Amino acid sequence: MQIITNPQEIEKLSFEIITEQLADRQMDEENASVIKRVIHTTADFDYVENLCFSEGAAAALKQVFQNGARIVTDTRMAMAGINKKAATRLGCDIHCFIDAPEVHEIAQRTGCTRARAAVDHAVKILEAPLVFVVGNAPTALIRLHELIKGQGVLPAAIIAVPVGFVNVVESKELILGLDIPHIVAKGQKGGSNVAAAICNALLYETLEGMRT
């Protein structure tokens, strides 16, 4: 048995295997890189059906990244998984306010989750364009939907892939109903690793497009 140890070769071979196994599956070409990177991260081919893209979402996100964006994650894990070098080259900043003292104070005072309070904090202090990347906390999506519908907050795009059982499906359905570029993992599957994988796929594609 041949053991491959070179990381670039491992990734290359992994994507070749994924592409081969997807040969008979139908998907939009513009979304293929995102779907394949999520499968690469999870080894779960259900994401071919689970990932839902609003019309032109991938192109819209790449345009936002190319012009520099404030990427807001709901967890430190998602933030850690996003490629900082790629984001920096595009002039994108990455933020996670889940541990901010102001967020702790709001959450304790109001009895809400820190993820919900962190959305308010991000909207308050960051300049547009904002891209929300949510892989864990459905309450972040619910609050974001409230701000969009009730206060006219307008993020540039939303990646909505929280995982779990409580409020998860419902929160994703809220985002699916918005006229804002979005990528949503329907159902209960998702996670911070999926959120980061989607973001990275689009960051890499944006950089590649700028080189050609």
N, C-alpha and C. Protein backbone atom coordinates (compact mmCIF):
# COMPACT_ATOMS: atom_id res chain seq x y z
N MET A 1 0.84 -1.20 0.00
CA MET A 1 0.00 0.00 0.00
C MET A 1 0.88 1.25 0.00
N GLN A 2 0.61 2.15 -0.94
CA GLN A 2 1.37 3.39 -1.03
C GLN A 2 0.80 4.42 -0.06
N ILE A 3 1.66 4.96 0.79
CA ILE A 3 1.25 5.98 1.75
C ILE A 3 1.67 7.35 1.21
N ILE A 4 0.71 8.23 1.02
CA ILE A 4 0.99 9.58 0.54
C ILE A 4 1.09 10.51 1.73
N THR A 5 2.18 11.26 1.82
CA THR A 5 2.41 12.14 2.96
C THR A 5 2.45 13.61 2.59
N ASN A 6 2.62 13.91 1.30
CA ASN A 6 2.66 15.31 0.88
C ASN A 6 1.26 15.92 0.96
N PRO A 7 1.06 17.00 1.72
CA PRO A 7 -0.29 17.54 1.92
C PRO A 7 -0.96 18.01 0.64
N GLN A 8 -0.19 18.62 -0.26
CA GLN A 8 -0.77 19.07 -1.53
C GLN A 8 -1.22 17.88 -2.37
N GLU A 9 -0.43 16.82 -2.36
CA GLU A 9 -0.78 15.63 -3.13
C GLU A 9 -2.01 14.93 -2.53
N ILE A 10 -2.09 14.93 -1.20
CA ILE A 10 -3.25 14.35 -0.53
C ILE A 10 -4.52 15.09 -0.92
N GLU A 11 -4.46 16.41 -0.89
CA GLU A 11 -5.65 17.20 -1.25
C GLU A 11 -6.01 17.00 -2.72
N LYS A 12 -5.01 17.01 -3.58
CA LYS A 12 -5.25 16.83 -5.01
C LYS A 12 -5.93 15.49 -5.28
N LEU A 13 -5.41 14.43 -4.68
CA LEU A 13 -5.97 13.10 -4.88
C LEU A 13 -7.39 13.01 -4.28
N SER A 14 -7.58 13.65 -3.15
CA SER A 14 -8.90 13.64 -2.51
C SER A 14 -9.94 14.26 -3.44
N PHE A 15 -9.62 15.38 -4.05
CA PHE A 15 -10.57 16.04 -4.94
C PHE A 15 -10.79 15.23 -6.22
N GLU A 16 -9.76 14.53 -6.66
CA GLU A 16 -9.94 13.65 -7.82
C GLU A 16 -10.92 12.53 -7.49
N ILE A 17 -10.81 11.98 -6.29
CA ILE A 17 -11.73 10.91 -5.86
C ILE A 17 -13.15 11.45 -5.75
N ILE A 18 -13.29 12.63 -5.17
CA ILE A 18 -14.61 13.25 -5.04
C ILE A 18 -15.23 13.50 -6.40
N THR A 19 -14.44 14.06 -7.31
CA THR A 19 -14.94 14.34 -8.66
C THR A 19 -15.38 13.07 -9.36
N GLU A 20 -14.60 12.00 -9.19
CA GLU A 20 -14.95 10.72 -9.81
C GLU A 20 -16.26 10.17 -9.24
N GLN A 21 -16.44 10.29 -7.93
CA GLN A 21 -17.65 9.76 -7.31
C GLN A 21 -18.88 10.62 -7.60
N LEU A 22 -18.65 11.84 -8.02
CA LEU A 22 -19.76 12.74 -8.36
C LEU A 22 -20.08 12.72 -9.86
N ALA A 23 -19.45 11.85 -10.60
CA ALA A 23 -19.56 11.87 -12.06
C ALA A 23 -21.01 11.78 -12.54
N ASP A 24 -21.85 11.04 -11.83
CA ASP A 24 -23.23 10.86 -12.25
C ASP A 24 -24.21 11.78 -11.52
N ARG A 25 -23.70 12.70 -10.72
CA ARG A 25 -24.57 13.60 -9.96
C ARG A 25 -24.67 14.93 -10.68
N GLN A 26 -25.84 15.51 -10.67
CA GLN A 26 -26.07 16.79 -11.33
C GLN A 26 -25.85 17.94 -10.34
N MET A 27 -25.09 18.95 -10.76
CA MET A 27 -24.91 20.15 -9.95
C MET A 27 -24.53 21.30 -10.86
N ASP A 28 -24.89 22.52 -10.43
CA ASP A 28 -24.50 23.69 -11.20
C ASP A 28 -22.99 23.87 -11.12
N GLU A 29 -22.38 24.12 -12.26
CA GLU A 29 -20.93 24.25 -12.31
C GLU A 29 -20.43 25.38 -11.42
N GLU A 30 -21.21 26.47 -11.34
CA GLU A 30 -20.76 27.61 -10.55
C GLU A 30 -20.70 27.28 -9.05
N ASN A 31 -21.41 26.23 -8.63
CA ASN A 31 -21.43 25.86 -7.22
C ASN A 31 -20.56 24.64 -6.91
N ALA A 32 -19.98 24.04 -7.94
CA ALA A 32 -19.29 22.77 -7.78
C ALA A 32 -18.12 22.84 -6.81
N SER A 33 -17.34 23.91 -6.87
CA SER A 33 -16.16 23.99 -6.00
C SER A 33 -16.55 24.05 -4.54
N VAL A 34 -17.65 24.73 -4.25
CA VAL A 34 -18.12 24.81 -2.86
C VAL A 34 -18.58 23.44 -2.38
N ILE A 35 -19.39 22.78 -3.20
CA ILE A 35 -19.91 21.47 -2.83
C ILE A 35 -18.77 20.48 -2.61
N LYS A 36 -17.80 20.47 -3.53
CA LYS A 36 -16.69 19.53 -3.42
C LYS A 36 -15.83 19.80 -2.17
N ARG A 37 -15.63 21.08 -1.83
CA ARG A 37 -14.81 21.36 -0.66
C ARG A 37 -15.54 20.97 0.62
N VAL A 38 -16.84 21.13 0.64
CA VAL A 38 -17.60 20.69 1.82
C VAL A 38 -17.54 19.17 1.94
N ILE A 39 -17.67 18.47 0.82
CA ILE A 39 -17.53 17.01 0.86
C ILE A 39 -16.13 16.61 1.30
N HIS A 40 -15.12 17.33 0.82
CA HIS A 40 -13.74 17.07 1.21
C HIS A 40 -13.58 17.22 2.72
N THR A 41 -14.27 18.19 3.30
CA THR A 41 -14.18 18.46 4.74
C THR A 41 -14.93 17.44 5.57
N THR A 42 -16.06 16.94 5.04
CA THR A 42 -16.96 16.11 5.83
C THR A 42 -17.02 14.65 5.41
N ALA A 43 -16.56 14.33 4.19
CA ALA A 43 -16.73 13.00 3.59
C ALA A 43 -18.20 12.62 3.50
N ASP A 44 -19.06 13.62 3.34
CA ASP A 44 -20.50 13.41 3.31
C ASP A 44 -21.06 13.88 1.97
N PHE A 45 -21.43 12.95 1.12
CA PHE A 45 -21.93 13.29 -0.21
C PHE A 45 -23.38 13.76 -0.19
N ASP A 46 -24.03 13.72 0.95
CA ASP A 46 -25.39 14.26 1.05
C ASP A 46 -25.42 15.76 0.76
N TYR A 47 -24.28 16.42 0.91
CA TYR A 47 -24.26 17.87 0.69
C TYR A 47 -24.52 18.25 -0.77
N VAL A 48 -24.44 17.31 -1.67
CA VAL A 48 -24.83 17.61 -3.06
C VAL A 48 -26.28 18.06 -3.09
N GLU A 49 -27.13 17.44 -2.28
CA GLU A 49 -28.53 17.82 -2.21
C GLU A 49 -28.80 18.84 -1.10
N ASN A 50 -28.04 18.77 -0.02
CA ASN A 50 -28.32 19.61 1.14
C ASN A 50 -27.98 21.08 0.94
N LEU A 51 -26.94 21.36 0.19
CA LEU A 51 -26.53 22.75 0.02
C LEU A 51 -27.45 23.45 -0.97
N CYS A 52 -28.02 24.55 -0.51
CA CYS A 52 -28.96 25.32 -1.32
C CYS A 52 -28.37 26.70 -1.58
N PHE A 53 -28.25 27.07 -2.85
CA PHE A 53 -27.66 28.34 -3.25
C PHE A 53 -28.75 29.24 -3.82
N SER A 54 -28.86 30.45 -3.31
CA SER A 54 -29.74 31.40 -3.98
C SER A 54 -29.14 31.73 -5.34
N GLU A 55 -29.95 32.24 -6.25
CA GLU A 55 -29.47 32.49 -7.60
C GLU A 55 -28.29 33.46 -7.60
N GLY A 56 -27.18 33.01 -8.18
CA GLY A 56 -26.00 33.86 -8.28
C GLY A 56 -25.26 34.07 -6.97
N ALA A 57 -25.55 33.23 -5.95
CA ALA A 57 -24.95 33.44 -4.64
C ALA A 57 -23.43 33.32 -4.67
N ALA A 58 -22.91 32.30 -5.34
CA ALA A 58 -21.46 32.11 -5.38
C ALA A 58 -20.77 33.28 -6.04
N ALA A 59 -21.33 33.75 -7.15
CA ALA A 59 -20.75 34.90 -7.86
C ALA A 59 -20.82 36.15 -7.00
N ALA A 60 -21.94 36.33 -6.30
CA ALA A 60 -22.10 37.51 -5.46
C ALA A 60 -21.10 37.52 -4.32
N LEU A 61 -20.90 36.36 -3.69
CA LEU A 61 -19.93 36.28 -2.60
C LEU A 61 -18.51 36.52 -3.10
N LYS A 62 -18.17 35.99 -4.25
CA LYS A 62 -16.83 36.23 -4.79
C LYS A 62 -16.61 37.71 -5.10
N GLN A 63 -17.63 38.38 -5.58
CA GLN A 63 -17.52 39.80 -5.86
C GLN A 63 -17.31 40.59 -4.56
N VAL A 64 -18.06 40.23 -3.53
CA VAL A 64 -17.90 40.89 -2.24
C VAL A 64 -16.51 40.65 -1.68
N PHE A 65 -16.02 39.42 -1.76
CA PHE A 65 -14.68 39.12 -1.26
C PHE A 65 -13.62 39.86 -2.05
N GLN A 66 -13.82 39.98 -3.35
CA GLN A 66 -12.84 40.67 -4.19
C GLN A 66 -12.72 42.15 -3.80
N ASN A 67 -13.81 42.72 -3.34
CA ASN A 67 -13.82 44.14 -2.98
C ASN A 67 -13.49 44.36 -1.51
N GLY A 68 -13.21 43.28 -0.79
CA GLY A 68 -12.93 43.39 0.64
C GLY A 68 -14.22 43.36 1.44
N ALA A 69 -14.28 42.51 2.45
CA ALA A 69 -15.51 42.36 3.24
C ALA A 69 -15.16 42.14 4.70
N ARG A 70 -16.13 42.39 5.55
CA ARG A 70 -16.03 42.03 6.95
C ARG A 70 -16.74 40.69 7.10
N ILE A 71 -15.98 39.62 7.34
CA ILE A 71 -16.54 38.28 7.51
C ILE A 71 -16.80 38.08 9.00
N VAL A 72 -18.06 37.79 9.35
CA VAL A 72 -18.45 37.65 10.76
C VAL A 72 -18.87 36.21 11.01
N THR A 73 -18.15 35.52 11.90
CA THR A 73 -18.48 34.13 12.23
C THR A 73 -19.16 34.07 13.59
N ASP A 74 -19.89 32.98 13.81
CA ASP A 74 -20.57 32.80 15.10
C ASP A 74 -19.73 32.04 16.10
N THR A 75 -18.65 31.42 15.67
CA THR A 75 -17.80 30.66 16.58
C THR A 75 -16.32 30.90 16.29
N ARG A 76 -15.51 30.71 17.33
CA ARG A 76 -14.06 30.78 17.14
C ARG A 76 -13.58 29.67 16.21
N MET A 77 -14.27 28.52 16.25
CA MET A 77 -13.87 27.41 15.41
C MET A 77 -14.02 27.76 13.93
N ALA A 78 -15.14 28.36 13.57
CA ALA A 78 -15.33 28.77 12.18
C ALA A 78 -14.29 29.82 11.78
N MET A 79 -14.05 30.75 12.68
CA MET A 79 -13.05 31.79 12.41
C MET A 79 -11.67 31.17 12.19
N ALA A 80 -11.32 30.18 13.04
CA ALA A 80 -10.02 29.53 12.92
C ALA A 80 -9.89 28.76 11.62
N GLY A 81 -11.02 28.24 11.10
CA GLY A 81 -10.97 27.42 9.90
C GLY A 81 -10.87 28.20 8.61
N ILE A 82 -11.18 29.49 8.64
CA ILE A 82 -11.11 30.30 7.43
C ILE A 82 -9.66 30.67 7.15
N ASN A 83 -9.24 30.52 5.91
CA ASN A 83 -7.85 30.76 5.53
C ASN A 83 -7.51 32.25 5.64
N LYS A 84 -6.70 32.59 6.64
CA LYS A 84 -6.39 34.00 6.91
C LYS A 84 -5.55 34.61 5.80
N LYS A 85 -4.64 33.81 5.24
CA LYS A 85 -3.79 34.35 4.17
C LYS A 85 -4.62 34.74 2.96
N ALA A 86 -5.56 33.88 2.59
CA ALA A 86 -6.42 34.18 1.44
C ALA A 86 -7.29 35.40 1.72
N ALA A 87 -7.86 35.47 2.92
CA ALA A 87 -8.71 36.60 3.27
C ALA A 87 -7.91 37.90 3.26
N THR A 88 -6.72 37.86 3.83
CA THR A 88 -5.89 39.07 3.90
C THR A 88 -5.50 39.56 2.51
N ARG A 89 -5.18 38.64 1.62
CA ARG A 89 -4.80 39.02 0.26
C ARG A 89 -5.94 39.74 -0.46
N LEU A 90 -7.16 39.44 -0.07
CA LEU A 90 -8.32 40.08 -0.69
C LEU A 90 -8.80 41.31 0.09
N GLY A 91 -8.12 41.61 1.19
CA GLY A 91 -8.52 42.77 1.99
C GLY A 91 -9.74 42.50 2.85
N CYS A 92 -9.99 41.22 3.15
CA CYS A 92 -11.14 40.85 3.98
C CYS A 92 -10.68 40.68 5.44
N ASP A 93 -11.49 41.19 6.36
CA ASP A 93 -11.25 41.00 7.79
C ASP A 93 -12.18 39.90 8.31
N ILE A 94 -11.71 39.15 9.31
CA ILE A 94 -12.53 38.10 9.90
C ILE A 94 -12.77 38.43 11.38
N HIS A 95 -14.02 38.36 11.79
CA HIS A 95 -14.40 38.75 13.15
C HIS A 95 -15.26 37.69 13.80
N CYS A 96 -15.07 37.52 15.11
CA CYS A 96 -15.97 36.70 15.92
C CYS A 96 -16.09 37.39 17.27
N PHE A 97 -17.31 37.75 17.64
CA PHE A 97 -17.54 38.54 18.85
C PHE A 97 -18.14 37.72 19.99
N ILE A 98 -18.14 36.41 19.87
CA ILE A 98 -18.79 35.56 20.85
C ILE A 98 -18.21 35.73 22.25
N ASP A 99 -16.92 36.11 22.34
CA ASP A 99 -16.27 36.28 23.64
C ASP A 99 -16.08 37.74 24.03
N ALA A 100 -16.64 38.66 23.26
CA ALA A 100 -16.48 40.07 23.56
C ALA A 100 -17.19 40.42 24.87
N PRO A 101 -16.57 41.23 25.74
CA PRO A 101 -17.20 41.59 27.02
C PRO A 101 -18.58 42.23 26.83
N GLU A 102 -18.73 43.05 25.79
CA GLU A 102 -20.02 43.69 25.55
C GLU A 102 -21.10 42.67 25.23
N VAL A 103 -20.70 41.63 24.52
CA VAL A 103 -21.65 40.58 24.16
C VAL A 103 -22.05 39.78 25.40
N HIS A 104 -21.08 39.47 26.25
CA HIS A 104 -21.39 38.78 27.50
C HIS A 104 -22.39 39.59 28.32
N GLU A 105 -22.15 40.90 28.40
CA GLU A 105 -23.01 41.76 29.22
C GLU A 105 -24.43 41.79 28.69
N ILE A 106 -24.58 41.93 27.37
CA ILE A 106 -25.91 41.97 26.76
C ILE A 106 -26.63 40.64 26.97
N ALA A 107 -25.91 39.54 26.78
CA ALA A 107 -26.52 38.22 26.93
C ALA A 107 -27.00 37.99 28.36
N GLN A 108 -26.19 38.38 29.33
CA GLN A 108 -26.57 38.19 30.72
C GLN A 108 -27.73 39.09 31.11
N ARG A 109 -27.71 40.32 30.62
CA ARG A 109 -28.75 41.29 30.99
C ARG A 109 -30.10 40.94 30.38
N THR A 110 -30.09 40.44 29.15
CA THR A 110 -31.34 40.19 28.44
C THR A 110 -31.77 38.73 28.47
N GLY A 111 -30.87 37.84 28.90
CA GLY A 111 -31.21 36.43 28.94
C GLY A 111 -31.20 35.75 27.58
N CYS A 112 -30.52 36.35 26.61
CA CYS A 112 -30.45 35.76 25.27
C CYS A 112 -29.11 35.04 25.11
N THR A 113 -28.95 34.35 24.00
CA THR A 113 -27.68 33.67 23.74
C THR A 113 -26.61 34.69 23.35
N ARG A 114 -25.36 34.34 23.59
CA ARG A 114 -24.27 35.21 23.16
C ARG A 114 -24.22 35.33 21.64
N ALA A 115 -24.60 34.27 20.95
CA ALA A 115 -24.58 34.31 19.49
C ALA A 115 -25.55 35.37 18.97
N ARG A 116 -26.72 35.47 19.59
CA ARG A 116 -27.70 36.48 19.21
C ARG A 116 -27.16 37.89 19.50
N ALA A 117 -26.61 38.06 20.70
CA ALA A 117 -26.06 39.37 21.07
C ALA A 117 -24.89 39.76 20.18
N ALA A 118 -24.11 38.77 19.74
CA ALA A 118 -22.95 39.04 18.89
C ALA A 118 -23.36 39.60 17.54
N VAL A 119 -24.52 39.18 17.04
CA VAL A 119 -25.01 39.73 15.77
C VAL A 119 -25.30 41.22 15.93
N ASP A 120 -25.97 41.59 17.01
CA ASP A 120 -26.24 43.01 17.27
C ASP A 120 -24.94 43.80 17.36
N HIS A 121 -23.96 43.23 18.04
CA HIS A 121 -22.67 43.91 18.22
C HIS A 121 -21.97 44.10 16.88
N ALA A 122 -21.98 43.07 16.06
CA ALA A 122 -21.33 43.16 14.75
C ALA A 122 -21.97 44.23 13.89
N VAL A 123 -23.28 44.25 13.85
CA VAL A 123 -23.99 45.23 13.03
C VAL A 123 -23.72 46.64 13.53
N LYS A 124 -23.55 46.78 14.85
CA LYS A 124 -23.34 48.09 15.44
C LYS A 124 -21.97 48.67 15.14
N ILE A 125 -20.93 47.84 15.16
CA ILE A 125 -19.57 48.40 15.11
C ILE A 125 -18.85 48.22 13.78
N LEU A 126 -19.34 47.33 12.90
CA LEU A 126 -18.61 47.06 11.66
C LEU A 126 -19.26 47.77 10.48
N GLU A 127 -18.40 48.21 9.57
CA GLU A 127 -18.88 48.84 8.34
C GLU A 127 -19.16 47.78 7.28
N ALA A 128 -20.09 48.10 6.41
CA ALA A 128 -20.41 47.20 5.29
C ALA A 128 -19.20 47.13 4.34
N PRO A 129 -19.14 46.05 3.54
CA PRO A 129 -20.07 44.93 3.43
C PRO A 129 -19.80 43.86 4.47
N LEU A 130 -20.89 43.31 5.02
CA LEU A 130 -20.79 42.25 6.01
C LEU A 130 -21.24 40.92 5.41
N VAL A 131 -20.45 39.89 5.65
CA VAL A 131 -20.81 38.53 5.26
C VAL A 131 -20.90 37.71 6.55
N PHE A 132 -22.09 37.23 6.88
CA PHE A 132 -22.28 36.43 8.08
C PHE A 132 -22.08 34.95 7.75
N VAL A 133 -21.21 34.30 8.53
CA VAL A 133 -20.87 32.90 8.32
C VAL A 133 -21.24 32.15 9.60
N VAL A 134 -22.36 31.43 9.57
CA VAL A 134 -22.92 30.82 10.77
C VAL A 134 -22.90 29.30 10.63
N GLY A 135 -22.17 28.64 11.52
CA GLY A 135 -22.05 27.18 11.45
C GLY A 135 -22.52 26.46 12.69
N ASN A 136 -22.94 27.23 13.70
CA ASN A 136 -23.28 26.57 14.96
C ASN A 136 -24.57 27.09 15.60
N ALA A 137 -24.83 28.39 15.51
CA ALA A 137 -25.86 29.01 16.34
C ALA A 137 -27.07 29.47 15.54
N PRO A 138 -28.17 28.71 15.58
CA PRO A 138 -29.37 29.16 14.88
C PRO A 138 -29.93 30.47 15.42
N THR A 139 -29.68 30.76 16.71
CA THR A 139 -30.18 32.03 17.25
C THR A 139 -29.51 33.23 16.58
N ALA A 140 -28.30 33.04 16.07
CA ALA A 140 -27.65 34.12 15.31
C ALA A 140 -28.42 34.39 14.02
N LEU A 141 -28.85 33.34 13.35
CA LEU A 141 -29.62 33.51 12.12
C LEU A 141 -30.99 34.13 12.39
N ILE A 142 -31.62 33.69 13.48
CA ILE A 142 -32.93 34.24 13.83
C ILE A 142 -32.82 35.73 14.11
N ARG A 143 -31.81 36.14 14.85
CA ARG A 143 -31.62 37.57 15.13
C ARG A 143 -31.28 38.33 13.86
N LEU A 144 -30.46 37.77 13.02
CA LEU A 144 -30.11 38.42 11.77
C LEU A 144 -31.36 38.64 10.92
N HIS A 145 -32.23 37.64 10.86
CA HIS A 145 -33.48 37.77 10.11
C HIS A 145 -34.35 38.89 10.70
N GLU A 146 -34.41 38.98 12.02
CA GLU A 146 -35.18 40.05 12.67
C GLU A 146 -34.64 41.42 12.30
N LEU A 147 -33.32 41.56 12.28
CA LEU A 147 -32.71 42.86 11.96
C LEU A 147 -32.92 43.23 10.49
N ILE A 148 -32.89 42.24 9.63
CA ILE A 148 -33.11 42.49 8.20
C ILE A 148 -34.54 42.94 7.96
N LYS A 149 -35.49 42.22 8.55
CA LYS A 149 -36.91 42.50 8.32
C LYS A 149 -37.40 43.71 9.11
N GLY A 150 -36.86 43.90 10.33
CA GLY A 150 -37.40 44.94 11.19
C GLY A 150 -36.63 46.24 11.21
N GLN A 151 -35.33 46.18 10.92
CA GLN A 151 -34.50 47.39 11.03
C GLN A 151 -33.75 47.72 9.75
N GLY A 152 -34.00 47.00 8.69
CA GLY A 152 -33.39 47.32 7.42
C GLY A 152 -31.91 47.00 7.32
N VAL A 153 -31.40 46.18 8.22
CA VAL A 153 -30.00 45.74 8.11
C VAL A 153 -29.86 44.93 6.82
N LEU A 154 -28.78 45.19 6.08
CA LEU A 154 -28.63 44.53 4.78
C LEU A 154 -27.23 43.94 4.64
N PRO A 155 -27.03 42.72 5.11
CA PRO A 155 -25.72 42.07 4.87
C PRO A 155 -25.51 41.79 3.40
N ALA A 156 -24.25 41.72 3.00
CA ALA A 156 -23.95 41.44 1.60
C ALA A 156 -24.29 40.00 1.24
N ALA A 157 -24.14 39.09 2.20
CA ALA A 157 -24.43 37.68 1.95
C ALA A 157 -24.46 36.94 3.28
N ILE A 158 -25.07 35.74 3.25
CA ILE A 158 -25.18 34.92 4.46
C ILE A 158 -24.84 33.48 4.11
N ILE A 159 -23.94 32.88 4.89
CA ILE A 159 -23.67 31.45 4.82
C ILE A 159 -24.29 30.85 6.08
N ALA A 160 -25.35 30.05 5.89
CA ALA A 160 -26.16 29.59 7.01
C ALA A 160 -26.13 28.06 7.08
N VAL A 161 -25.26 27.53 7.93
CA VAL A 161 -25.11 26.07 8.01
C VAL A 161 -24.99 25.58 9.45
N PRO A 162 -25.82 26.08 10.38
CA PRO A 162 -25.72 25.56 11.74
C PRO A 162 -26.12 24.10 11.81
N VAL A 163 -25.57 23.39 12.77
CA VAL A 163 -25.83 21.96 12.95
C VAL A 163 -26.61 21.76 14.24
N GLY A 164 -27.49 20.78 14.28
CA GLY A 164 -28.16 20.48 15.54
C GLY A 164 -29.62 20.15 15.39
N PHE A 165 -30.37 20.32 16.50
CA PHE A 165 -31.73 19.83 16.56
C PHE A 165 -32.75 20.90 16.95
N VAL A 166 -32.33 21.92 17.71
CA VAL A 166 -33.27 22.92 18.21
C VAL A 166 -33.13 24.21 17.41
N ASN A 167 -34.20 24.64 16.78
CA ASN A 167 -34.26 25.88 16.00
C ASN A 167 -33.43 25.84 14.71
N VAL A 168 -32.78 24.73 14.44
CA VAL A 168 -31.84 24.68 13.32
C VAL A 168 -32.56 24.75 11.97
N VAL A 169 -33.48 23.84 11.74
CA VAL A 169 -34.20 23.82 10.47
C VAL A 169 -35.00 25.09 10.29
N GLU A 170 -35.65 25.54 11.35
CA GLU A 170 -36.48 26.75 11.28
C GLU A 170 -35.65 27.99 10.94
N SER A 171 -34.49 28.11 11.55
CA SER A 171 -33.64 29.28 11.28
C SER A 171 -33.14 29.29 9.84
N LYS A 172 -32.84 28.12 9.31
CA LYS A 172 -32.39 28.04 7.93
C LYS A 172 -33.51 28.40 6.96
N GLU A 173 -34.74 27.99 7.29
CA GLU A 173 -35.87 28.34 6.44
C GLU A 173 -36.07 29.85 6.38
N LEU A 174 -35.80 30.54 7.48
CA LEU A 174 -35.90 32.01 7.48
C LEU A 174 -34.93 32.62 6.47
N ILE A 175 -33.72 32.11 6.44
CA ILE A 175 -32.70 32.65 5.53
C ILE A 175 -33.05 32.30 4.08
N LEU A 176 -33.58 31.12 3.86
CA LEU A 176 -33.98 30.72 2.51
C LEU A 176 -35.05 31.64 1.94
N GLY A 177 -35.81 32.29 2.81
CA GLY A 177 -36.86 33.19 2.35
C GLY A 177 -36.41 34.62 2.09
N LEU A 178 -35.13 34.90 2.28
CA LEU A 178 -34.63 36.26 2.10
C LEU A 178 -34.15 36.50 0.67
N ASP A 179 -34.32 37.74 0.23
CA ASP A 179 -33.80 38.15 -1.08
C ASP A 179 -32.40 38.73 -0.93
N ILE A 180 -31.54 37.94 -0.30
CA ILE A 180 -30.14 38.30 -0.05
C ILE A 180 -29.32 37.09 -0.46
N PRO A 181 -28.17 37.27 -1.13
CA PRO A 181 -27.37 36.11 -1.51
C PRO A 181 -27.09 35.21 -0.32
N HIS A 182 -27.38 33.91 -0.46
CA HIS A 182 -27.19 33.00 0.66
C HIS A 182 -26.84 31.61 0.18
N ILE A 183 -26.12 30.90 1.05
CA ILE A 183 -25.85 29.48 0.89
C ILE A 183 -26.29 28.82 2.19
N VAL A 184 -27.20 27.86 2.07
CA VAL A 184 -27.82 27.24 3.25
C VAL A 184 -27.68 25.72 3.14
N ALA A 185 -27.32 25.09 4.25
CA ALA A 185 -27.34 23.62 4.32
C ALA A 185 -28.69 23.22 4.90
N LYS A 186 -29.58 22.76 4.05
CA LYS A 186 -30.92 22.41 4.50
C LYS A 186 -30.87 21.23 5.47
N GLY A 187 -31.84 21.21 6.37
CA GLY A 187 -31.91 20.12 7.33
C GLY A 187 -31.05 20.38 8.55
N GLN A 188 -30.68 19.31 9.25
CA GLN A 188 -29.97 19.41 10.52
C GLN A 188 -28.46 19.41 10.39
N LYS A 189 -27.95 19.06 9.21
CA LYS A 189 -26.50 18.96 9.04
C LYS A 189 -25.86 20.33 8.86
N GLY A 190 -24.57 20.38 9.19
CA GLY A 190 -23.80 21.60 9.04
C GLY A 190 -22.64 21.58 10.01
N GLY A 191 -22.26 22.75 10.50
CA GLY A 191 -21.18 22.84 11.46
C GLY A 191 -20.19 23.94 11.11
N SER A 192 -19.37 24.29 12.08
CA SER A 192 -18.38 25.33 11.87
C SER A 192 -17.38 24.95 10.79
N ASN A 193 -17.04 23.65 10.70
CA ASN A 193 -16.11 23.21 9.66
C ASN A 193 -16.73 23.38 8.28
N VAL A 194 -18.03 23.15 8.16
CA VAL A 194 -18.72 23.33 6.88
C VAL A 194 -18.76 24.81 6.52
N ALA A 195 -19.06 25.66 7.51
CA ALA A 195 -19.10 27.10 7.27
C ALA A 195 -17.75 27.61 6.75
N ALA A 196 -16.67 27.16 7.40
CA ALA A 196 -15.33 27.58 6.98
C ALA A 196 -14.99 27.04 5.59
N ALA A 197 -15.40 25.80 5.31
CA ALA A 197 -15.11 25.20 4.01
C ALA A 197 -15.78 25.98 2.88
N ILE A 198 -17.03 26.37 3.08
CA ILE A 198 -17.73 27.16 2.06
C ILE A 198 -17.02 28.48 1.84
N CYS A 199 -16.67 29.14 2.92
CA CYS A 199 -15.98 30.42 2.82
C CYS A 199 -14.65 30.26 2.10
N ASN A 200 -13.88 29.24 2.46
CA ASN A 200 -12.58 29.03 1.83
C ASN A 200 -12.69 28.73 0.35
N ALA A 201 -13.66 27.91 -0.04
CA ALA A 201 -13.82 27.58 -1.45
C ALA A 201 -14.02 28.85 -2.26
N LEU A 202 -14.81 29.78 -1.74
CA LEU A 202 -15.08 31.01 -2.48
C LEU A 202 -13.92 31.99 -2.42
N LEU A 203 -13.20 32.01 -1.31
CA LEU A 203 -11.99 32.84 -1.24
C LEU A 203 -10.95 32.36 -2.25
N TYR A 204 -10.75 31.04 -2.33
CA TYR A 204 -9.77 30.48 -3.26
C TYR A 204 -10.18 30.76 -4.71
N GLU A 205 -11.46 30.59 -5.00
CA GLU A 205 -11.95 30.86 -6.36
C GLU A 205 -11.78 32.32 -6.73
N THR A 206 -12.02 33.19 -5.76
CA THR A 206 -11.84 34.62 -6.03
C THR A 206 -10.40 34.96 -6.37
N LEU A 207 -9.47 34.41 -5.60
CA LEU A 207 -8.05 34.64 -5.88
C LEU A 207 -7.65 34.06 -7.24
N GLU A 208 -8.14 32.85 -7.52
CA GLU A 208 -7.82 32.22 -8.81
C GLU A 208 -8.35 33.05 -9.97
N GLY A 209 -9.55 33.58 -9.81
CA GLY A 209 -10.13 34.41 -10.86
C GLY A 209 -9.35 35.69 -11.11
N MET A 210 -8.75 36.22 -10.07
CA MET A 210 -7.96 37.45 -10.20
C MET A 210 -6.62 37.19 -10.87
N ARG A 211 -6.17 35.92 -10.85
CA ARG A 211 -4.89 35.59 -11.48
C ARG A 211 -5.05 35.31 -12.97
N THR A 212 -6.26 35.00 -13.40
CA THR A 212 -6.48 34.64 -14.81
C THR A 212 -6.97 35.83 -15.61
